[in-house]
PDB file of N, CA and C in Angstrom:
ATOM      1  N   MET A   1      93.325  53.218  69.531  1.00  0.00           N
ATOM      2  CA  MET A   1      94.022  54.483  69.678  1.00  0.00           C
ATOM      3  C   MET A   1      93.678  55.360  68.475  1.00  0.00           C
ATOM      4  N   ARG A   2      93.333  56.600  68.751  1.00  0.00           N
ATOM      5  CA  ARG A   2      92.970  57.508  67.657  1.00  0.00           C
ATOM      6  C   ARG A   2      94.140  57.734  66.706  1.00  0.00           C
ATOM      7  N   SER A   3      93.801  57.982  65.480  1.00  0.00           N
ATOM      8  CA  SER A   3      94.766  58.082  64.392  1.00  0.00           C
ATOM      9  C   SER A   3      95.841  59.144  64.642  1.00  0.00           C
ATOM     10  N   ALA A   4      95.448  60.312  65.114  1.00  0.00           N
ATOM     11  CA  ALA A   4      96.415  61.393  65.335  1.00  0.00           C
ATOM     12  C   ALA A   4      97.465  60.993  66.367  1.00  0.00           C
ATOM     13  N   LEU A   5      97.048  60.339  67.438  1.00  0.00           N
ATOM     14  CA  LEU A   5      97.990  59.888  68.460  1.00  0.00           C
ATOM     15  C   LEU A   5      98.886  58.794  67.913  1.00  0.00           C
ATOM     16  N   LYS A   6      98.318  57.887  67.147  1.00  0.00           N
ATOM     17  CA  LYS A   6      99.097  56.801  66.555  1.00  0.00           C
ATOM     18  C   LYS A   6     100.187  57.361  65.642  1.00  0.00           C
ATOM     19  N   HIS A   7      99.841  58.316  64.789  1.00  0.00           N
ATOM     20  CA  HIS A   7     100.825  58.916  63.875  1.00  0.00           C
ATOM     21  C   HIS A   7     101.915  59.669  64.639  1.00  0.00           C
ATOM     22  N   LYS A   8     101.515  60.379  65.681  1.00  0.00           N
ATOM     23  CA  LYS A   8     102.486  61.104  66.514  1.00  0.00           C
ATOM     24  C   LYS A   8     103.438  60.109  67.194  1.00  0.00           C
ATOM     25  N   ALA A   9     102.905  59.020  67.706  1.00  0.00           N
ATOM     26  CA  ALA A   9     103.725  58.021  68.398  1.00  0.00           C
ATOM     27  C   ALA A   9     104.705  57.359  67.434  1.00  0.00           C
ATOM     28  N   ILE A  10     104.262  57.043  66.226  1.00  0.00           N
ATOM     29  CA  ILE A  10     105.161  56.454  65.231  1.00  0.00           C
ATOM     30  C   ILE A  10     106.274  57.431  64.890  1.00  0.00           C
ATOM     31  N   LYS A  11     105.938  58.711  64.733  1.00  0.00           N
ATOM     32  CA  LYS A  11     106.947  59.740  64.453  1.00  0.00           C
ATOM     33  C   LYS A  11     107.982  59.803  65.578  1.00  0.00           C
ATOM     34  N   ILE A  12     107.524  59.772  66.809  1.00  0.00           N
ATOM     35  CA  ILE A  12     108.443  59.830  67.950  1.00  0.00           C
ATOM     36  C   ILE A  12     109.311  58.577  68.002  1.00  0.00           C
ATOM     37  N   CYS A  13     108.733  57.414  67.743  1.00  0.00           N
ATOM     38  CA  CYS A  13     109.525  56.181  67.693  1.00  0.00           C
ATOM     39  C   CYS A  13     110.617  56.302  66.637  1.00  0.00           C
ATOM     40  N   ASN A  14     110.255  56.793  65.457  1.00  0.00           N
ATOM     41  CA  ASN A  14     111.241  56.960  64.383  1.00  0.00           C
ATOM     42  C   ASN A  14     112.358  57.907  64.789  1.00  0.00           C
ATOM     43  N   GLU A  15     111.996  59.012  65.433  1.00  0.00           N
ATOM     44  CA  GLU A  15     112.998  59.986  65.888  1.00  0.00           C
ATOM     45  C   GLU A  15     113.939  59.367  66.915  1.00  0.00           C
ATOM     46  N   LYS A  16     113.385  58.632  67.880  1.00  0.00           N
ATOM     47  CA  LYS A  16     114.212  57.996  68.919  1.00  0.00           C
ATOM     48  C   LYS A  16     115.144  56.942  68.305  1.00  0.00           C
ATOM     49  N   ILE A  17     114.611  56.141  67.389  1.00  0.00           N
ATOM     50  CA  ILE A  17     115.408  55.104  66.738  1.00  0.00           C
ATOM     51  C   ILE A  17     116.535  55.741  65.936  1.00  0.00           C
ATOM     52  N   GLN A  18     116.226  56.800  65.193  1.00  0.00           N
ATOM     53  CA  GLN A  18     117.234  57.471  64.391  1.00  0.00           C
ATOM     54  C   GLN A  18     118.321  58.098  65.269  1.00  0.00           C
ATOM     55  N   ALA A  19     117.926  58.666  66.389  1.00  0.00           N
ATOM     56  CA  ALA A  19     118.878  59.352  67.267  1.00  0.00           C
ATOM     57  C   ALA A  19     119.720  58.395  68.099  1.00  0.00           C
ATOM     58  N   LYS A  20     119.115  57.275  68.565  1.00  0.00           N
ATOM     59  CA  LYS A  20     119.807  56.432  69.534  1.00  0.00           C
ATOM     60  C   LYS A  20     119.951  54.976  69.119  1.00  0.00           C
ATOM     61  N   GLY A  21     119.450  54.611  67.943  1.00  0.00           N
ATOM     62  CA  GLY A  21     119.621  53.245  67.466  1.00  0.00           C
ATOM     63  C   GLY A  21     118.407  52.368  67.748  1.00  0.00           C
ATOM     64  N   GLU A  22     118.407  51.195  67.157  1.00  0.00           N
ATOM     65  CA  GLU A  22     117.258  50.288  67.211  1.00  0.00           C
ATOM     66  C   GLU A  22     116.986  49.699  68.593  1.00  0.00           C
ATOM     67  N   ASN A  23     117.929  49.784  69.504  1.00  0.00           N
ATOM     68  CA  ASN A  23     117.721  49.226  70.844  1.00  0.00           C
ATOM     69  C   ASN A  23     117.176  50.236  71.842  1.00  0.00           C
ATOM     70  N   VAL A  24     116.875  51.441  71.389  1.00  0.00           N
ATOM     71  CA  VAL A  24     116.394  52.474  72.300  1.00  0.00           C
ATOM     72  C   VAL A  24     115.028  52.080  72.862  1.00  0.00           C
ATOM     73  N   GLY A  25     114.866  52.337  74.149  1.00  0.00           N
ATOM     74  CA  GLY A  25     113.603  52.059  74.814  1.00  0.00           C
ATOM     75  C   GLY A  25     112.870  53.353  75.111  1.00  0.00           C
ATOM     76  N   LEU A  26     111.573  53.230  75.294  1.00  0.00           N
ATOM     77  CA  LEU A  26     110.771  54.383  75.666  1.00  0.00           C
ATOM     78  C   LEU A  26     109.512  53.928  76.380  1.00  0.00           C
ATOM     79  N   SER A  27     108.842  54.887  76.999  1.00  0.00           N
ATOM     80  CA  SER A  27     107.548  54.622  77.624  1.00  0.00           C
ATOM     81  C   SER A  27     106.505  55.455  76.885  1.00  0.00           C
ATOM     82  N   PHE A  28     105.243  55.242  77.189  1.00  0.00           N
ATOM     83  CA  PHE A  28     104.204  56.016  76.514  1.00  0.00           C
ATOM     84  C   PHE A  28     104.279  57.493  76.871  1.00  0.00           C
ATOM     85  N   TYR A  29     104.970  57.825  77.954  1.00  0.00           N
ATOM     86  CA  TYR A  29     105.149  59.230  78.311  1.00  0.00           C
ATOM     87  C   TYR A  29     105.957  59.981  77.266  1.00  0.00           C
ATOM     88  N   ALA A  30     106.739  59.271  76.466  1.00  0.00           N
ATOM     89  CA  ALA A  30     107.544  59.907  75.420  1.00  0.00           C
ATOM     90  C   ALA A  30     106.665  60.584  74.368  1.00  0.00           C
ATOM     91  N   PHE A  31     105.406  60.208  74.301  1.00  0.00           N
ATOM     92  CA  PHE A  31     104.500  60.762  73.304  1.00  0.00           C
ATOM     93  C   PHE A  31     103.874  62.087  73.746  1.00  0.00           C
ATOM     94  N   PHE A  32     104.248  62.561  74.943  1.00  0.00           N
ATOM     95  CA  PHE A  32     103.639  63.755  75.518  1.00  0.00           C
ATOM     96  C   PHE A  32     104.706  64.717  76.019  1.00  0.00           C
ATOM     97  N   LYS A  33     104.294  65.976  76.187  1.00  0.00           N
ATOM     98  CA  LYS A  33     105.171  66.973  76.793  1.00  0.00           C
ATOM     99  C   LYS A  33     105.329  66.633  78.272  1.00  0.00           C
ATOM    100  N   ASN A  34     106.177  67.329  78.944  1.00  0.00           N
ATOM    101  CA  ASN A  34     106.429  67.056  80.364  1.00  0.00           C
ATOM    102  C   ASN A  34     105.371  67.640  81.283  1.00  0.00           C
ATOM    103  N   LYS A  35     104.192  67.905  80.739  1.00  0.00           N
ATOM    104  CA  LYS A  35     103.098  68.337  81.595  1.00  0.00           C
ATOM    105  C   LYS A  35     101.829  67.633  81.127  1.00  0.00           C
ATOM    106  N   ASN A  36     100.928  67.459  82.036  1.00  0.00           N
ATOM    107  CA  ASN A  36      99.705  66.723  81.764  1.00  0.00           C
ATOM    108  C   ASN A  36      98.615  67.694  81.301  1.00  0.00           C
ATOM    109  N   ASP A  37      98.729  68.137  80.038  1.00  0.00           N
ATOM    110  CA  ASP A  37      97.769  69.111  79.530  1.00  0.00           C
ATOM    111  C   ASP A  37      96.597  68.466  78.779  1.00  0.00           C
ATOM    112  N   ASN A  38      96.637  67.145  78.619  1.00  0.00           N
ATOM    113  CA  ASN A  38      95.527  66.443  77.971  1.00  0.00           C
ATOM    114  C   ASN A  38      95.361  65.069  78.633  1.00  0.00           C
ATOM    115  N   PRO A  39      94.761  65.019  79.813  1.00  0.00           N
ATOM    116  CA  PRO A  39      94.662  63.770  80.555  1.00  0.00           C
ATOM    117  C   PRO A  39      93.918  62.662  79.804  1.00  0.00           C
ATOM    118  N   ALA A  40      92.908  63.010  79.019  1.00  0.00           N
ATOM    119  CA  ALA A  40      92.155  61.984  78.284  1.00  0.00           C
ATOM    120  C   ALA A  40      93.036  61.293  77.250  1.00  0.00           C
ATOM    121  N   LEU A  41      93.858  62.070  76.556  1.00  0.00           N
ATOM    122  CA  LEU A  41      94.759  61.489  75.558  1.00  0.00           C
ATOM    123  C   LEU A  41      95.846  60.649  76.223  1.00  0.00           C
ATOM    124  N   LEU A  42      96.353  61.128  77.358  1.00  0.00           N
ATOM    125  CA  LEU A  42      97.340  60.365  78.121  1.00  0.00           C
ATOM    126  C   LEU A  42      96.755  59.024  78.566  1.00  0.00           C
ATOM    127  N   MET A  43      95.525  59.034  79.046  1.00  0.00           N
ATOM    128  CA  MET A  43      94.871  57.790  79.467  1.00  0.00           C
ATOM    129  C   MET A  43      94.615  56.858  78.284  1.00  0.00           C
ATOM    130  N   GLU A  44      94.333  57.426  77.130  1.00  0.00           N
ATOM    131  CA  GLU A  44      94.150  56.608  75.932  1.00  0.00           C
ATOM    132  C   GLU A  44      95.444  55.874  75.590  1.00  0.00           C
ATOM    133  N   ALA A  45      96.559  56.585  75.643  1.00  0.00           N
ATOM    134  CA  ALA A  45      97.854  55.959  75.377  1.00  0.00           C
ATOM    135  C   ALA A  45      98.184  54.925  76.456  1.00  0.00           C
ATOM    136  N   ALA A  46      97.911  55.256  77.709  1.00  0.00           N
ATOM    137  CA  ALA A  46      98.181  54.327  78.815  1.00  0.00           C
ATOM    138  C   ALA A  46      97.338  53.065  78.682  1.00  0.00           C
ATOM    139  N   THR A  47      96.089  53.219  78.318  1.00  0.00           N
ATOM    140  CA  THR A  47      95.206  52.063  78.139  1.00  0.00           C
ATOM    141  C   THR A  47      95.716  51.168  77.022  1.00  0.00           C
ATOM    142  N   TRP A  48      96.089  51.766  75.901  1.00  0.00           N
ATOM    143  CA  TRP A  48      96.638  51.004  74.772  1.00  0.00           C
ATOM    144  C   TRP A  48      97.891  50.248  75.201  1.00  0.00           C
ATOM    145  N   TRP A  49      98.765  50.930  75.933  1.00  0.00           N
ATOM    146  CA  TRP A  49     100.069  50.390  76.329  1.00  0.00           C
ATOM    147  C   TRP A  49      99.925  49.321  77.417  1.00  0.00           C
ATOM    148  N   ILE A  50      99.188  49.633  78.477  1.00  0.00           N
ATOM    149  CA  ILE A  50      99.155  48.785  79.670  1.00  0.00           C
ATOM    150  C   ILE A  50      98.045  47.732  79.609  1.00  0.00           C
ATOM    151  N   GLN A  51      96.834  48.152  79.354  1.00  0.00           N
ATOM    152  CA  GLN A  51      95.714  47.220  79.410  1.00  0.00           C
ATOM    153  C   GLN A  51      95.558  46.381  78.146  1.00  0.00           C
ATOM    154  N   ILE A  52      95.698  47.008  76.991  1.00  0.00           N
ATOM    155  CA  ILE A  52      95.482  46.263  75.746  1.00  0.00           C
ATOM    156  C   ILE A  52      96.677  45.386  75.401  1.00  0.00           C
ATOM    157  N   HIS A  53      97.887  45.970  75.422  1.00  0.00           N
ATOM    158  CA  HIS A  53      99.077  45.221  74.995  1.00  0.00           C
ATOM    159  C   HIS A  53      99.901  44.653  76.146  1.00  0.00           C
ATOM    160  N   LYS A  54      99.558  45.027  77.383  1.00  0.00           N
ATOM    161  CA  LYS A  54     100.234  44.502  78.575  1.00  0.00           C
ATOM    162  C   LYS A  54     101.760  44.647  78.489  1.00  0.00           C
ATOM    163  N   LEU A  55     102.188  45.841  78.105  1.00  0.00           N
ATOM    164  CA  LEU A  55     103.611  46.119  77.938  1.00  0.00           C
ATOM    165  C   LEU A  55     104.234  46.567  79.250  1.00  0.00           C
ATOM    166  N   ASP A  56     105.536  46.359  79.371  1.00  0.00           N
ATOM    167  CA  ASP A  56     106.283  46.870  80.510  1.00  0.00           C
ATOM    168  C   ASP A  56     106.384  48.392  80.395  1.00  0.00           C
ATOM    169  N   HIS A  57     106.854  49.019  81.477  1.00  0.00           N
ATOM    170  CA  HIS A  57     106.958  50.480  81.472  1.00  0.00           C
ATOM    171  C   HIS A  57     107.839  50.958  80.314  1.00  0.00           C
ATOM    172  N   PHE A  58     108.997  50.341  80.139  1.00  0.00           N
ATOM    173  CA  PHE A  58     109.885  50.676  79.030  1.00  0.00           C
ATOM    174  C   PHE A  58     109.903  49.514  78.054  1.00  0.00           C
ATOM    175  N   GLU A  59     109.755  49.844  76.774  1.00  0.00           N
ATOM    176  CA  GLU A  59     109.806  48.861  75.692  1.00  0.00           C
ATOM    177  C   GLU A  59     110.669  49.422  74.567  1.00  0.00           C
ATOM    178  N   LYS A  60     111.143  48.558  73.719  1.00  0.00           N
ATOM    179  CA  LYS A  60     111.931  48.985  72.563  1.00  0.00           C
ATOM    180  C   LYS A  60     111.040  49.813  71.634  1.00  0.00           C
ATOM    181  N   ALA A  61     111.556  50.937  71.171  1.00  0.00           N
ATOM    182  CA  ALA A  61     110.807  51.799  70.262  1.00  0.00           C
ATOM    183  C   ALA A  61     110.425  51.050  68.988  1.00  0.00           C
ATOM    184  N   LEU A  62     111.301  50.171  68.536  1.00  0.00           N
ATOM    185  CA  LEU A  62     111.023  49.397  67.325  1.00  0.00           C
ATOM    186  C   LEU A  62     109.804  48.495  67.527  1.00  0.00           C
ATOM    187  N   LYS A  63     109.686  47.884  68.689  1.00  0.00           N
ATOM    188  CA  LYS A  63     108.537  47.029  69.002  1.00  0.00           C
ATOM    189  C   LYS A  63     107.247  47.855  69.035  1.00  0.00           C
ATOM    190  N   ILE A  64     107.306  49.025  69.653  1.00  0.00           N
ATOM    191  CA  ILE A  64     106.130  49.889  69.740  1.00  0.00           C
ATOM    192  C   ILE A  64     105.710  50.340  68.348  1.00  0.00           C
ATOM    193  N   LYS A  65     106.680  50.729  67.542  1.00  0.00           N
ATOM    194  CA  LYS A  65     106.381  51.157  66.179  1.00  0.00           C
ATOM    195  C   LYS A  65     105.684  50.047  65.400  1.00  0.00           C
ATOM    196  N   GLU A  66     106.175  48.821  65.539  1.00  0.00           N
ATOM    197  CA  GLU A  66     105.556  47.691  64.834  1.00  0.00           C
ATOM    198  C   GLU A  66     104.127  47.455  65.327  1.00  0.00           C
ATOM    199  N   LEU A  67     103.896  47.560  66.627  1.00  0.00           N
ATOM    200  CA  LEU A  67     102.545  47.405  67.166  1.00  0.00           C
ATOM    201  C   LEU A  67     101.619  48.508  66.649  1.00  0.00           C
ATOM    202  N   LEU A  68     102.130  49.722  66.589  1.00  0.00           N
ATOM    203  CA  LEU A  68     101.325  50.834  66.122  1.00  0.00           C
ATOM    204  C   LEU A  68     100.969  50.701  64.644  1.00  0.00           C
ATOM    205  N   GLN A  69     101.867  50.118  63.878  1.00  0.00           N
ATOM    206  CA  GLN A  69     101.631  49.972  62.451  1.00  0.00           C
ATOM    207  C   GLN A  69     100.736  48.771  62.122  1.00  0.00           C
ATOM    208  N   ASP A  70     100.523  47.898  63.093  1.00  0.00           N
ATOM    209  CA  ASP A  70      99.636  46.763  62.912  1.00  0.00           C
ATOM    210  C   ASP A  70      98.217  47.301  62.735  1.00  0.00           C
ATOM    211  N   LYS A  71      97.531  46.854  61.725  1.00  0.00           N
ATOM    212  CA  LYS A  71      96.190  47.367  61.418  1.00  0.00           C
ATOM    213  C   LYS A  71      95.195  47.144  62.543  1.00  0.00           C
ATOM    214  N   ASP A  72      95.447  46.165  63.416  1.00  0.00           N
ATOM    215  CA  ASP A  72      94.534  45.854  64.503  1.00  0.00           C
ATOM    216  C   ASP A  72      94.882  46.573  65.809  1.00  0.00           C
ATOM    217  N   ALA A  73      95.973  47.360  65.809  1.00  0.00           N
ATOM    218  CA  ALA A  73      96.462  47.959  67.048  1.00  0.00           C
ATOM    219  C   ALA A  73      95.591  49.072  67.518  1.00  0.00           C
TER     220      ALA A  73
END
């Protein structure tokens, strides 16, 4: 996953955790606006989420943040 998307996703995870607590769940769609204005970036996030990490549609934001911060992610 490209660095800019990774940093944006970590920021969103932090915001969700701060607003709703450590048990808050999210999907990769949380990293995007409610319109598909960058399909390539959306597919990059989907590939990371679904194909690489085999995650469910909704996962704990804390888990996603930890995966994103892993140097191999």
